[in-house]
C-alpha atoms as a PDB file:
ATOM      1  CA  MET A   1     134.590 170.324  17.423  1.00  0.00           C
ATOM      2  CA  ALA A   2     133.890 170.677  21.218  1.00  0.00           C
ATOM      3  CA  HIS A   3     133.776 167.711  23.414  1.00  0.00           C
ATOM      4  CA  ASP A   4     130.240 166.936  24.765  1.00  0.00           C
ATOM      5  CA  THR A   5     130.426 167.028  28.563  1.00  0.00           C
ATOM      6  CA  ARG A   6     126.840 165.976  29.142  1.00  0.00           C
ATOM      7  CA  PRO A   7     126.272 162.778  30.958  1.00  0.00           C
ATOM      8  CA  PRO A   8     125.715 159.721  28.629  1.00  0.00           C
ATOM      9  CA  SER A   9     121.970 159.667  29.461  1.00  0.00           C
ATOM     10  CA  GLN A  10     121.559 163.106  28.041  1.00  0.00           C
ATOM     11  CA  ARG A  11     123.596 163.059  24.811  1.00  0.00           C
ATOM     12  CA  LYS A  12     122.692 161.455  21.436  1.00  0.00           C
ATOM     13  CA  PRO A  13     124.323 158.130  20.590  1.00  0.00           C
ATOM     14  CA  THR A  14     127.308 158.456  18.203  1.00  0.00           C
ATOM     15  CA  ALA A  15     128.607 155.993  15.587  1.00  0.00           C
ATOM     16  CA  ALA A  16     131.211 154.794  18.222  1.00  0.00           C
ATOM     17  CA  ASP A  17     128.476 153.981  20.675  1.00  0.00           C
ATOM     18  CA  TYR A  18     126.652 151.859  18.066  1.00  0.00           C
ATOM     19  CA  SER A  19     129.917 150.065  17.129  1.00  0.00           C
ATOM     20  CA  ARG A  20     130.661 149.338  20.728  1.00  0.00           C
ATOM     21  CA  TYR A  21     127.209 147.787  21.372  1.00  0.00           C
ATOM     22  CA  ALA A  22     127.353 145.876  18.015  1.00  0.00           C
ATOM     23  CA  GLY A  23     130.698 144.458  19.200  1.00  0.00           C
ATOM     24  CA  MET A  24     129.168 143.371  22.496  1.00  0.00           C
ATOM     25  CA  GLY A  25     126.393 141.628  20.536  1.00  0.00           C
ATOM     26  CA  ILE A  26     128.846 139.721  18.379  1.00  0.00           C
ATOM     27  CA  GLU A  27     130.848 138.725  21.447  1.00  0.00           C
ATOM     28  CA  PHE A  28     127.550 137.395  23.082  1.00  0.00           C
ATOM     29  CA  ALA A  29     126.783 135.382  19.913  1.00  0.00           C
ATOM     30  CA  ALA A  30     130.255 134.041  19.565  1.00  0.00           C
ATOM     31  CA  ALA A  31     130.272 132.719  23.187  1.00  0.00           C
ATOM     32  CA  ILE A  32     127.153 130.867  22.519  1.00  0.00           C
ATOM     33  CA  ALA A  33     128.323 129.624  19.256  1.00  0.00           C
ATOM     34  CA  LEU A  34     131.529 128.392  20.436  1.00  0.00           C
ATOM     35  CA  CYS A  35     130.205 126.543  23.489  1.00  0.00           C
ATOM     36  CA  VAL A  36     127.506 125.021  21.380  1.00  0.00           C
ATOM     37  CA  ALA A  37     130.035 123.863  18.865  1.00  0.00           C
ATOM     38  CA  ALA A  38     132.224 122.380  21.596  1.00  0.00           C
ATOM     39  CA  GLY A  39     129.165 120.556  22.996  1.00  0.00           C
ATOM     40  CA  TRP A  40     128.190 119.221  19.465  1.00  0.00           C
ATOM     41  CA  TRP A  41     131.713 117.948  19.096  1.00  0.00           C
ATOM     42  CA  VAL A  42     131.684 116.165  22.519  1.00  0.00           C
ATOM     43  CA  ASP A  43     128.176 114.705  21.741  1.00  0.00           C
ATOM     44  CA  LYS A  44     129.408 113.530  18.361  1.00  0.00           C
ATOM     45  CA  ARG A  45     132.457 111.745  20.027  1.00  0.00           C
ATOM     46  CA  CYS A  46     130.483 110.275  22.959  1.00  0.00           C
ATOM     47  CA  GLY A  47     127.190 109.476  21.228  1.00  0.00           C
ATOM     48  CA  THR A  48     125.192 111.591  23.784  1.00  0.00           C
ATOM     49  CA  MET A  49     123.158 113.865  21.415  1.00  0.00           C
ATOM     50  CA  PRO A  50     121.774 116.463  22.559  1.00  0.00           C
ATOM     51  CA  TRP A  51     123.115 116.683  26.073  1.00  0.00           C
ATOM     52  CA  PHE A  52     126.285 118.326  25.743  1.00  0.00           C
ATOM     53  CA  ILE A  53     124.861 120.807  23.079  1.00  0.00           C
ATOM     54  CA  LEU A  54     122.280 122.000  25.758  1.00  0.00           C
ATOM     55  CA  VAL A  55     125.242 122.231  28.446  1.00  0.00           C
ATOM     56  CA  GLY A  56     127.143 124.290  25.873  1.00  0.00           C
ATOM     57  CA  LEU A  57     124.207 126.493  25.165  1.00  0.00           C
ATOM     58  CA  ALA A  58     123.671 127.114  28.873  1.00  0.00           C
ATOM     59  CA  LEU A  59     127.331 127.734  29.425  1.00  0.00           C
ATOM     60  CA  GLY A  60     127.767 129.954  26.346  1.00  0.00           C
ATOM     61  CA  PHE A  61     124.722 132.104  27.417  1.00  0.00           C
ATOM     62  CA  ALA A  62     126.038 132.436  30.950  1.00  0.00           C
ATOM     63  CA  ALA A  63     129.526 133.425  29.677  1.00  0.00           C
ATOM     64  CA  GLY A  64     128.030 135.932  27.214  1.00  0.00           C
ATOM     65  CA  LEU A  65     125.894 137.341  29.834  1.00  0.00           C
ATOM     66  CA  TYR A  66     128.724 137.671  32.227  1.00  0.00           C
ATOM     67  CA  ARG A  67     130.808 139.545  29.647  1.00  0.00           C
ATOM     68  CA  LEU A  68     127.899 141.921  28.911  1.00  0.00           C
ATOM     69  CA  VAL A  69     127.451 142.658  32.684  1.00  0.00           C
ATOM     70  CA  LEU A  70     131.203 143.383  32.998  1.00  0.00           C
ATOM     71  CA  ALA A  71     131.081 145.642  29.922  1.00  0.00           C
ATOM     72  CA  LEU A  72     127.937 147.497  30.968  1.00  0.00           C
ATOM     73  CA  GLY A  73     128.427 147.721  34.653  1.00  0.00           C
ATOM     74  CA  PRO A  74     128.770 150.878  36.665  1.00  0.00           C
ATOM     75  CA  GLY A  75     131.920 152.874  35.762  1.00  0.00           C
ATOM     76  CA  ARG A  76     132.149 151.109  32.267  1.00  0.00           C
ATOM     77  CA  GLY A  77     129.631 153.173  30.367  1.00  0.00           C
ATOM     78  CA  GLY A  78     126.523 151.707  31.662  1.00  0.00           C
ATOM     79  CA  LYS A  79     123.857 153.551  33.671  1.00  0.00           C
ATOM     80  CA  LYS A  80     124.465 153.827  37.386  1.00  0.00           C
END
């Protein structure tokens, strides 16, 4: 099978492409879930419901978005 030398914007997505993007989605969701869980734990210990959960949500979203930008930035498979 010949290697497709067309730019990524002109070729059809493969199963590897789909699994890469699915992995990024799971990583994004995991960042949010872990930070929210940590916020819930702190809230439960300190009795400050729901403030640290909200902080964890914001931090998890920011961390997940940062990882997506790194993964999809120029030179990493994203569009230039």
